Amino acid sequence: MSQTQKSRVLEHAPALGVTHRLLGPFHVTSVFWYQFAYLAFTRLPPWTEWVSVSVFTTFFFLTLGRIRRALACNLEPVLGPAGRWENLQRSYKTLWAFAWCLTERYRRLAAPGLFSAALEGGEHWDQVMGTTGGVLIVTAHLGPWETAVHFGASNSRRRIHIVREKEIDPKAQRFVEQLLSRSGHEYVTHFAGQELTLALELAKALREGDVVALQCDRPREGGRTVQVSLFGKPMPLPTGPAALARAAGVPILPVFNFREGRFKVRTIARTPIHVGHTADRDADVEEATRHLGAEIAWAIEQRPHQWFCFRKLWE
């Protein structure tokens, strides 16, 4: 029996509470921090980043209690029960990793040649890229996830479409769009919004042999989900990626990026997932989505502190 249902909340987005109302334009989700980070990390010398990361990680760790508690709660099923002190350490390590990924995100815009990537699972890349059909690359909010497709598929002759979530702050959204428009990357960027229109556009691109890359771990409000088990806890995952791959008749390639050190990224391509095409569409989509859930769990286990989920998932 199908367990597909409508998602009512944006599961991974930070909850906006008292801190958001008090800080206003200086809240962590506001455009101020996007602009500040971009200017600081593209204009200042690299050695200053250690100071900036240390200061701002500590600042946000102390001020964002809701996010700090959410990180500790989400990591408990992954790392096991912990006392108060260890939970604080876990939260700080995750914010520290996020700060570095964010810092290098902006540094990469200014100096992409500084970065190196090691690809694991090259045979899986070759398997899907060696065909003439399209490929759906899926990733999760882990490590420098925004570059999951860049290093592996950048030498492909195929057109690459990247789907991004919109930022919470509309001003931050416009700022990100401006950065992407002048970044020089030869990618087509889409922002999730008009779901039906976007799905039709992406399906068309896949049927034409293009590459589409998107996240598969963040349910969107009103979107269909399947409840899977993540570390023994119920977790709704969006059915969109599996439904899109089935409709276009293309394989899904799970790809995860992990930060391995200064300007170093490890890209791992996992075994391709082929969505079934039986008379029971819902069952086909559910089975593939559960497979994606297992891949996400595997990736989180590799680098738990590079799992950037800032909203409490479980009570």
Protein backbone atom coordinates (compact mmCIF):
# COMPACT_ATOMS: atom_id res chain seq x y z
CA MET A 1 0.00 0.00 0.00
CA SER A 2 1.34 3.41 -0.91
CA GLN A 3 2.62 5.63 1.91
CA THR A 4 3.05 8.69 -0.30
CA GLN A 5 1.72 11.80 1.42
CA LYS A 6 1.78 15.58 1.25
CA SER A 7 4.54 17.34 3.17
CA ARG A 8 3.25 20.11 5.46
CA VAL A 9 6.55 21.67 6.53
CA LEU A 10 9.94 22.42 5.08
CA GLU A 11 11.69 19.85 7.23
CA HIS A 12 15.29 21.07 7.14
CA ALA A 13 14.86 24.84 7.09
CA PRO A 14 15.89 26.70 10.27
CA ALA A 15 12.94 27.50 12.50
CA LEU A 16 12.47 31.27 12.72
CA GLY A 17 11.66 32.24 16.29
CA VAL A 18 12.45 34.95 18.81
CA THR A 19 16.04 35.37 17.61
CA HIS A 20 14.83 36.14 14.10
CA ARG A 21 12.44 38.80 15.38
CA LEU A 22 15.06 40.37 17.62
CA LEU A 23 17.96 40.39 15.16
CA GLY A 24 15.89 41.29 12.12
CA PRO A 25 18.26 42.20 9.25
CA PHE A 26 21.19 40.75 11.22
CA HIS A 27 19.70 37.28 11.61
CA VAL A 28 21.76 34.43 10.14
CA THR A 29 19.27 33.99 7.27
CA SER A 30 19.38 37.65 6.20
CA VAL A 31 21.17 39.08 3.19
CA PHE A 32 23.61 40.92 5.47
CA TRP A 33 25.58 37.76 6.23
CA TYR A 34 25.61 36.67 2.58
CA GLN A 35 27.06 40.00 1.52
CA PHE A 36 29.46 40.17 4.44
CA ALA A 37 30.80 36.66 3.80
CA TYR A 38 31.19 37.26 0.09
CA LEU A 39 33.11 40.52 0.54
CA ALA A 40 35.26 39.16 3.37
CA PHE A 41 36.20 35.86 1.78
CA THR A 42 36.85 37.20 -1.71
CA ARG A 43 38.75 40.36 -0.74
CA LEU A 44 40.76 39.42 2.36
CA PRO A 45 43.88 37.18 2.27
CA PRO A 46 43.26 33.47 2.97
CA TRP A 47 45.01 33.49 6.36
CA THR A 48 42.27 35.73 7.78
CA GLU A 49 39.72 32.99 7.24
CA TRP A 50 40.92 31.06 10.30
CA VAL A 51 40.17 34.07 12.47
CA SER A 52 36.81 34.72 10.83
CA VAL A 53 35.67 31.11 11.04
CA SER A 54 36.66 30.86 14.70
CA VAL A 55 34.95 34.12 15.69
CA PHE A 56 31.72 33.60 13.80
CA THR A 57 31.36 29.91 14.63
CA THR A 58 31.61 30.80 18.31
CA PHE A 59 29.24 33.76 17.92
CA PHE A 60 26.51 31.77 16.21
CA PHE A 61 27.04 28.80 18.54
CA LEU A 62 26.35 31.03 21.53
CA THR A 63 23.46 33.02 20.06
CA LEU A 64 21.52 30.43 18.03
CA GLY A 65 20.32 28.15 20.80
CA ARG A 66 17.48 26.64 18.76
CA ILE A 67 19.85 25.57 15.98
CA ARG A 68 22.45 24.38 18.48
CA ARG A 69 19.91 22.11 20.13
CA ALA A 70 18.56 20.89 16.79
CA LEU A 71 22.02 19.81 15.64
CA ALA A 72 22.61 17.84 18.84
CA CYS A 73 19.19 16.18 18.61
CA ASN A 74 19.64 15.17 14.96
CA LEU A 75 23.08 13.72 15.58
CA GLU A 76 22.03 11.53 18.50
CA PRO A 77 20.55 8.72 16.32
CA VAL A 78 23.74 8.81 14.22
CA LEU A 79 26.38 8.98 16.96
CA GLY A 80 24.48 7.58 19.94
CA PRO A 81 23.28 9.14 23.19
CA ALA A 82 25.47 11.82 24.75
CA GLY A 83 25.62 14.04 27.77
CA ARG A 84 25.22 17.80 27.74
CA TRP A 85 28.93 18.57 27.22
CA GLU A 86 29.33 16.11 24.35
CA ASN A 87 26.17 17.43 22.71
CA LEU A 88 27.61 20.92 22.83
CA GLN A 89 30.82 19.64 21.23
CA ARG A 90 28.86 17.93 18.47
CA SER A 91 26.93 21.10 17.68
CA TYR A 92 30.07 23.22 17.66
CA LYS A 93 31.91 20.79 15.35
CA THR A 94 29.00 20.89 12.91
CA LEU A 95 28.84 24.69 12.91
CA TRP A 96 32.62 24.78 12.47
CA ALA A 97 32.39 22.48 9.43
CA PHE A 98 29.53 24.55 8.01
CA ALA A 99 31.52 27.77 8.47
CA TRP A 100 34.44 26.34 6.49
CA CYS A 101 32.19 25.04 3.71
CA LEU A 102 30.48 28.43 3.50
CA THR A 103 33.82 30.25 3.52
CA GLU A 104 35.23 28.14 0.72
CA ARG A 105 32.00 28.46 -1.23
CA TYR A 106 32.74 32.17 -1.67
CA ARG A 107 36.48 31.65 -2.08
CA ARG A 108 35.74 29.25 -4.93
CA LEU A 109 33.79 31.95 -6.74
CA ALA A 110 36.85 34.19 -6.65
CA ALA A 111 39.57 31.58 -7.20
CA PRO A 112 38.26 28.22 -8.45
CA GLY A 113 41.78 27.12 -9.39
CA LEU A 114 42.71 26.80 -5.72
CA PHE A 115 40.50 23.75 -5.29
CA SER A 116 41.26 20.11 -5.95
CA ALA A 117 38.90 17.15 -5.92
CA ALA A 118 39.42 13.41 -5.69
CA LEU A 119 36.72 11.31 -7.34
CA GLU A 120 35.76 7.92 -5.96
CA GLY A 121 33.36 5.66 -7.81
CA GLY A 122 34.56 6.78 -11.23
CA GLU A 123 33.18 3.60 -12.72
CA HIS A 124 29.69 4.76 -11.78
CA TRP A 125 30.27 8.10 -13.50
CA ASP A 126 31.46 6.26 -16.60
CA GLN A 127 28.50 3.90 -16.51
CA VAL A 128 25.88 6.67 -16.70
CA MET A 129 27.85 9.23 -18.68
CA GLY A 130 28.81 6.65 -21.28
CA THR A 131 25.25 6.51 -22.57
CA THR A 132 23.46 9.04 -24.76
CA GLY A 133 20.52 9.42 -22.39
CA GLY A 134 20.09 11.94 -19.62
CA VAL A 135 21.33 11.53 -16.06
CA LEU A 136 19.73 12.68 -12.81
CA ILE A 137 22.40 13.43 -10.19
CA VAL A 138 21.10 13.65 -6.64
CA THR A 139 22.88 14.78 -3.50
CA ALA A 140 22.07 15.91 0.04
CA HIS A 141 22.91 18.85 2.28
CA LEU A 142 26.27 17.39 3.23
CA GLY A 143 29.65 19.09 3.10
CA PRO A 144 30.21 21.40 0.10
CA TRP A 145 27.08 19.95 -1.48
CA GLU A 146 26.70 22.76 -4.00
CA THR A 147 29.73 21.47 -5.91
CA ALA A 148 28.65 17.82 -6.03
CA VAL A 149 28.11 18.04 -9.77
CA HIS A 150 30.86 20.54 -10.62
CA PHE A 151 33.95 18.40 -10.24
CA GLY A 152 32.57 15.19 -11.69
CA ALA A 153 30.56 16.49 -14.61
CA SER A 154 32.35 19.72 -15.45
CA ASN A 155 34.26 18.02 -18.25
CA SER A 156 31.09 16.60 -19.75
CA ARG A 157 29.86 17.89 -23.07
CA ARG A 158 26.30 17.66 -21.82
CA ARG A 159 24.34 20.67 -20.70
CA ILE A 160 24.07 20.68 -16.90
CA HIS A 161 21.01 21.92 -15.01
CA ILE A 162 21.30 22.66 -11.28
CA VAL A 163 18.20 23.01 -9.11
CA ARG A 164 18.53 25.11 -5.95
CA GLU A 165 16.19 25.95 -3.12
CA LYS A 166 15.28 29.59 -2.74
CA GLU A 167 16.79 31.46 0.21
CA ILE A 168 14.52 32.39 3.12
CA ASP A 169 15.26 36.09 2.77
CA PRO A 170 14.09 37.43 -0.64
CA LYS A 171 16.98 39.91 -0.64
CA ALA A 172 19.43 37.06 -0.05
CA GLN A 173 17.78 35.20 -2.92
CA ARG A 174 18.38 38.10 -5.29
CA PHE A 175 21.99 38.37 -4.10
CA VAL A 176 22.62 34.66 -4.78
CA GLU A 177 21.07 34.96 -8.24
CA GLN A 178 23.40 37.87 -9.02
CA LEU A 179 26.44 35.90 -7.87
CA LEU A 180 25.50 32.90 -9.98
CA SER A 181 24.80 35.05 -13.04
CA ARG A 182 28.36 36.38 -13.04
CA SER A 183 30.21 33.33 -11.73
CA GLY A 184 31.19 32.21 -15.23
CA HIS A 185 29.99 28.62 -14.72
CA GLU A 186 28.35 27.15 -17.78
CA TYR A 187 25.36 25.73 -15.95
CA VAL A 188 21.64 26.36 -16.18
CA THR A 189 20.39 27.25 -12.69
CA HIS A 190 16.78 26.69 -11.68
CA PHE A 191 15.15 27.75 -8.41
CA ALA A 192 12.45 25.53 -6.98
CA GLY A 193 9.09 27.24 -7.04
CA GLN A 194 6.57 26.42 -9.74
CA GLU A 195 6.78 22.66 -9.23
CA LEU A 196 4.76 21.45 -12.22
CA THR A 197 6.39 23.85 -14.67
CA LEU A 198 9.86 23.05 -13.37
CA ALA A 199 9.25 19.29 -13.44
CA LEU A 200 8.15 19.44 -17.08
CA GLU A 201 11.18 21.55 -18.00
CA LEU A 202 13.61 19.19 -16.23
CA ALA A 203 11.99 16.09 -17.73
CA LYS A 204 12.38 17.61 -21.19
CA ALA A 205 16.07 18.33 -20.50
CA LEU A 206 16.67 14.76 -19.34
CA ARG A 207 14.98 13.29 -22.40
CA GLU A 208 17.30 15.43 -24.54
CA GLY A 209 20.35 13.86 -22.86
CA ASP A 210 21.16 16.65 -20.37
CA VAL A 211 22.36 16.27 -16.79
CA VAL A 212 20.08 17.48 -13.99
CA ALA A 213 21.41 17.85 -10.43
CA LEU A 214 19.29 18.41 -7.33
CA GLN A 215 19.01 17.60 -3.62
CA CYS A 216 16.92 14.64 -2.57
CA ASP A 217 16.76 15.09 1.21
CA ARG A 218 14.64 18.21 1.74
CA PRO A 219 10.85 17.96 1.54
CA ARG A 220 9.11 21.08 0.29
CA GLU A 221 5.83 22.32 1.69
CA GLY A 222 2.98 20.75 -0.22
CA GLY A 223 5.27 18.29 -2.00
CA ARG A 224 4.70 14.54 -1.97
CA THR A 225 6.87 12.49 0.38
CA VAL A 226 7.55 8.91 1.36
CA GLN A 227 8.36 8.14 4.98
CA VAL A 228 11.58 6.18 5.22
CA SER A 229 13.66 5.07 8.20
CA LEU A 230 16.79 7.11 8.88
CA PHE A 231 18.89 5.68 11.71
CA GLY A 232 15.76 4.07 13.13
CA LYS A 233 13.78 7.33 13.00
CA PRO A 234 10.93 8.24 10.61
CA MET A 235 12.05 10.64 7.90
CA PRO A 236 9.90 12.04 5.06
CA LEU A 237 11.79 12.26 1.77
CA PRO A 238 10.49 13.94 -1.38
CA THR A 239 9.31 11.64 -4.15
CA GLY A 240 10.12 14.23 -6.81
CA PRO A 241 13.57 12.93 -7.80
CA ALA A 242 12.41 9.33 -8.26
CA ALA A 243 9.23 10.43 -10.07
CA LEU A 244 11.26 12.66 -12.39
CA ALA A 245 13.74 9.89 -13.21
CA ARG A 246 10.91 7.44 -13.88
CA ALA A 247 9.05 9.87 -16.13
CA ALA A 248 12.17 10.65 -18.16
CA GLY A 249 13.43 7.08 -18.19
CA VAL A 250 16.89 7.95 -16.83
CA PRO A 251 19.09 6.55 -14.04
CA ILE A 252 19.66 8.30 -10.71
CA LEU A 253 23.29 8.76 -9.67
CA PRO A 254 23.75 9.56 -5.95
CA VAL A 255 26.78 11.83 -5.49
CA PHE A 256 28.13 13.23 -2.23
CA ASN A 257 30.85 15.77 -1.56
CA PHE A 258 32.93 15.88 1.60
CA ARG A 259 35.36 18.56 2.68
CA GLU A 260 38.70 16.84 3.30
CA GLY A 261 40.80 19.87 4.22
CA ARG A 262 41.83 23.27 2.97
CA PHE A 263 40.55 23.61 -0.63
CA LYS A 264 40.21 19.81 -0.86
CA VAL A 265 37.02 17.99 -1.74
CA ARG A 266 36.29 14.28 -2.03
CA THR A 267 33.48 13.45 -4.47
CA ILE A 268 31.92 10.01 -4.16
CA ALA A 269 29.64 8.58 -6.84
CA ARG A 270 27.52 5.68 -5.64
CA THR A 271 25.86 2.86 -7.56
CA PRO A 272 23.24 4.19 -10.01
CA ILE A 273 19.59 3.63 -9.13
CA HIS A 274 17.23 2.55 -11.90
CA VAL A 275 13.61 3.35 -11.07
CA GLY A 276 11.17 0.58 -11.89
CA HIS A 277 8.56 1.11 -14.56
CA THR A 278 5.79 -1.31 -13.65
CA ALA A 279 2.03 -0.79 -13.70
CA ASP A 280 2.24 0.49 -10.10
CA ARG A 281 3.86 3.91 -10.44
CA ASP A 282 3.60 4.77 -6.73
CA ALA A 283 5.33 1.55 -5.71
CA ASP A 284 8.15 2.18 -8.20
CA VAL A 285 8.69 5.70 -6.87
CA GLU A 286 8.52 4.59 -3.23
CA GLU A 287 11.08 1.83 -3.74
CA ALA A 288 13.55 4.19 -5.40
CA THR A 289 13.00 6.85 -2.71
CA ARG A 290 13.71 4.32 0.03
CA HIS A 291 16.90 3.40 -1.81
CA LEU A 292 17.85 7.08 -1.82
CA GLY A 293 17.17 7.19 1.93
CA ALA A 294 19.70 4.40 2.45
CA GLU A 295 22.26 6.33 0.39
CA ILE A 296 21.69 9.48 2.46
CA ALA A 297 22.16 7.50 5.68
CA TRP A 298 25.40 6.05 4.32
CA ALA A 299 26.71 9.50 3.44
CA ILE A 300 25.80 10.98 6.84
CA GLU A 301 27.66 8.17 8.58
CA GLN A 302 30.83 9.05 6.62
CA ARG A 303 30.93 12.64 7.92
CA PRO A 304 28.24 13.23 10.58
CA HIS A 305 29.45 16.75 11.33
CA GLN A 306 29.11 17.72 7.68
CA TRP A 307 25.37 17.01 7.76
CA PHE A 308 23.82 20.47 7.71
CA CYS A 309 20.26 20.09 8.95
CA PHE A 310 19.42 23.06 11.16
CA ARG A 311 15.91 22.12 12.21
CA LYS A 312 15.04 19.52 14.83
CA LEU A 313 13.79 16.46 13.01
CA TRP A 314 12.74 14.24 15.90
CA GLU A 315 11.40 14.70 19.41
